[in-house]
Every structure is written in structure tokens, then in C-alpha cells.
Amino acid sequence: MEQDAVGYERHIRPLFREKDVSSMARAFDLASYDDVRAHADSILAKVADGSMPCDGAWPQDRVDLFRSWVDAGCPA
């Protein structure tokens, strides 16, 4: 069951391309667990409404994966 848990390194970090990390660097570091966790609610709002990433909305399955990670308390 534990291998099914959504974790940052395995599931969430790969969602953010290097282009996304660079684009958001002035606000926070998408390559940093601590920064993504600290801003998880606002990141979720932006990916859910399609305004992030700036070059096109995530498919719903990615939004759902990120939402499940946030709902689980942002496990490392």
C-alpha cells in the first residue's frame, strides 16, 4: 500500500519541467520540496484553473495527482 502513496520526489517533482522551474524562480523554486509545499495551495489553484504553466494547461490527470498530494498533506 505504501508504494501507492503520492510523494514529492517520485510523483510531483517530475510534473514541473525545467522551463517551469525557470519561469517561476522569481516567486519560488518548483524544484524545492519546501517551496512547493509552502505554496501548494496557490500552485494547485493555478494549475486547476489552467493559468499555470503559462504555455498551456495541465491535463486533468496531472491536476488530480497534484491535488491528491496536497490533500494528503504534501508528503515528501
C-alpha atoms as a PDB file:
ATOM      1  CA  MET A   1       0.000   0.000   0.000  1.00  0.00           C
ATOM      2  CA  GLU A   2       2.835   2.399   0.862  1.00  0.00           C
ATOM      3  CA  GLN A   3       4.213   2.340  -2.695  1.00  0.00           C
ATOM      4  CA  ASP A   4       0.873   3.763  -3.861  1.00  0.00           C
ATOM      5  CA  ALA A   5       1.307   6.910  -1.740  1.00  0.00           C
ATOM      6  CA  VAL A   6       1.948  10.049  -3.770  1.00  0.00           C
ATOM      7  CA  GLY A   7       5.321  11.538  -2.894  1.00  0.00           C
ATOM      8  CA  TYR A   8       7.116  14.681  -3.971  1.00  0.00           C
ATOM      9  CA  GLU A   9      10.285  13.214  -5.492  1.00  0.00           C
ATOM     10  CA  ARG A  10       8.621  10.333  -7.308  1.00  0.00           C
ATOM     11  CA  HIS A  11       5.353  11.910  -8.454  1.00  0.00           C
ATOM     12  CA  ILE A  12       5.236  15.689  -8.015  1.00  0.00           C
ATOM     13  CA  ARG A  13       8.715  16.976  -8.906  1.00  0.00           C
ATOM     14  CA  PRO A  14       8.572  15.347 -12.384  1.00  0.00           C
ATOM     15  CA  LEU A  15       5.419  17.359 -13.167  1.00  0.00           C
ATOM     16  CA  PHE A  16       7.497  20.546 -13.303  1.00  0.00           C
ATOM     17  CA  ARG A  17       9.714  20.958 -16.360  1.00  0.00           C
ATOM     18  CA  GLU A  18      12.971  22.890 -16.143  1.00  0.00           C
ATOM     19  CA  LYS A  19      11.188  25.589 -18.163  1.00  0.00           C
ATOM     20  CA  ASP A  20       8.545  25.819 -15.408  1.00  0.00           C
ATOM     21  CA  VAL A  21      11.210  25.961 -12.687  1.00  0.00           C
ATOM     22  CA  SER A  22      12.973  28.824 -14.511  1.00  0.00           C
ATOM     23  CA  SER A  23       9.732  30.710 -15.186  1.00  0.00           C
ATOM     24  CA  MET A  24       8.696  30.668 -11.536  1.00  0.00           C
ATOM     25  CA  ALA A  25      12.160  31.186  -9.986  1.00  0.00           C
ATOM     26  CA  ARG A  26      11.435  34.795  -9.005  1.00  0.00           C
ATOM     27  CA  ALA A  27       8.423  33.686  -6.934  1.00  0.00           C
ATOM     28  CA  PHE A  28       9.504  30.280  -5.593  1.00  0.00           C
ATOM     29  CA  ASP A  29      11.514  27.207  -6.513  1.00  0.00           C
ATOM     30  CA  LEU A  30       9.428  24.462  -8.129  1.00  0.00           C
ATOM     31  CA  ALA A  31      12.425  22.129  -7.781  1.00  0.00           C
ATOM     32  CA  SER A  32      12.351  22.527  -3.989  1.00  0.00           C
ATOM     33  CA  TYR A  33      10.051  20.356  -1.892  1.00  0.00           C
ATOM     34  CA  ASP A  34       9.930  23.029   0.825  1.00  0.00           C
ATOM     35  CA  ASP A  35       8.936  25.773  -1.608  1.00  0.00           C
ATOM     36  CA  VAL A  36       6.347  23.665  -3.420  1.00  0.00           C
ATOM     37  CA  ARG A  37       4.875  22.547  -0.103  1.00  0.00           C
ATOM     38  CA  ALA A  38       4.781  26.130   1.203  1.00  0.00           C
ATOM     39  CA  HIS A  39       2.975  27.325  -1.932  1.00  0.00           C
ATOM     40  CA  ALA A  40       0.985  24.163  -2.670  1.00  0.00           C
ATOM     41  CA  ASP A  41      -2.461  25.762  -2.350  1.00  0.00           C
ATOM     42  CA  SER A  42      -1.665  28.613  -4.734  1.00  0.00           C
ATOM     43  CA  ILE A  43       0.087  26.260  -7.185  1.00  0.00           C
ATOM     44  CA  LEU A  44      -2.949  23.975  -7.096  1.00  0.00           C
ATOM     45  CA  ALA A  45      -5.284  26.903  -7.765  1.00  0.00           C
ATOM     46  CA  LYS A  46      -3.198  27.979 -10.768  1.00  0.00           C
ATOM     47  CA  VAL A  47      -2.834  24.517 -12.325  1.00  0.00           C
ATOM     48  CA  ALA A  48      -6.526  23.802 -11.680  1.00  0.00           C
ATOM     49  CA  ASP A  49      -7.673  26.998 -13.439  1.00  0.00           C
ATOM     50  CA  GLY A  50      -5.224  26.440 -16.308  1.00  0.00           C
ATOM     51  CA  SER A  51      -3.161  29.586 -15.777  1.00  0.00           C
ATOM     52  CA  MET A  52      -0.057  27.598 -14.853  1.00  0.00           C
ATOM     53  CA  PRO A  53       2.088  26.628 -16.605  1.00  0.00           C
ATOM     54  CA  CYS A  54       1.982  29.707 -18.766  1.00  0.00           C
ATOM     55  CA  ASP A  55       2.333  27.825 -22.056  1.00  0.00           C
ATOM     56  CA  GLY A  56      -0.695  25.571 -21.628  1.00  0.00           C
ATOM     57  CA  ALA A  57      -2.876  23.935 -19.021  1.00  0.00           C
ATOM     58  CA  TRP A  58      -2.027  20.596 -17.462  1.00  0.00           C
ATOM     59  CA  PRO A  59      -4.159  17.608 -18.412  1.00  0.00           C
ATOM     60  CA  GLN A  60      -6.748  16.799 -15.745  1.00  0.00           C
ATOM     61  CA  ASP A  61      -4.854  13.701 -14.555  1.00  0.00           C
ATOM     62  CA  ARG A  62      -1.856  15.868 -13.587  1.00  0.00           C
ATOM     63  CA  VAL A  63      -4.088  18.335 -11.753  1.00  0.00           C
ATOM     64  CA  ASP A  64      -5.735  15.422  -9.933  1.00  0.00           C
ATOM     65  CA  LEU A  65      -2.336  13.961  -8.989  1.00  0.00           C
ATOM     66  CA  PHE A  66      -1.170  17.292  -7.573  1.00  0.00           C
ATOM     67  CA  ARG A  67      -4.496  17.739  -5.749  1.00  0.00           C
ATOM     68  CA  SER A  68      -4.207  14.262  -4.192  1.00  0.00           C
ATOM     69  CA  TRP A  69      -0.689  15.124  -2.977  1.00  0.00           C
ATOM     70  CA  VAL A  70      -1.928  18.387  -1.418  1.00  0.00           C
ATOM     71  CA  ASP A  71      -4.936  16.607   0.129  1.00  0.00           C
ATOM     72  CA  ALA A  72      -2.574  14.006   1.633  1.00  0.00           C
ATOM     73  CA  GLY A  73      -0.612  16.750   3.408  1.00  0.00           C
ATOM     74  CA  CYS A  74       2.181  17.163   0.841  1.00  0.00           C
ATOM     75  CA  PRO A  75       4.225  14.090   1.775  1.00  0.00           C
ATOM     76  CA  ALA A  76       7.902  14.095   0.901  1.00  0.00           C
END
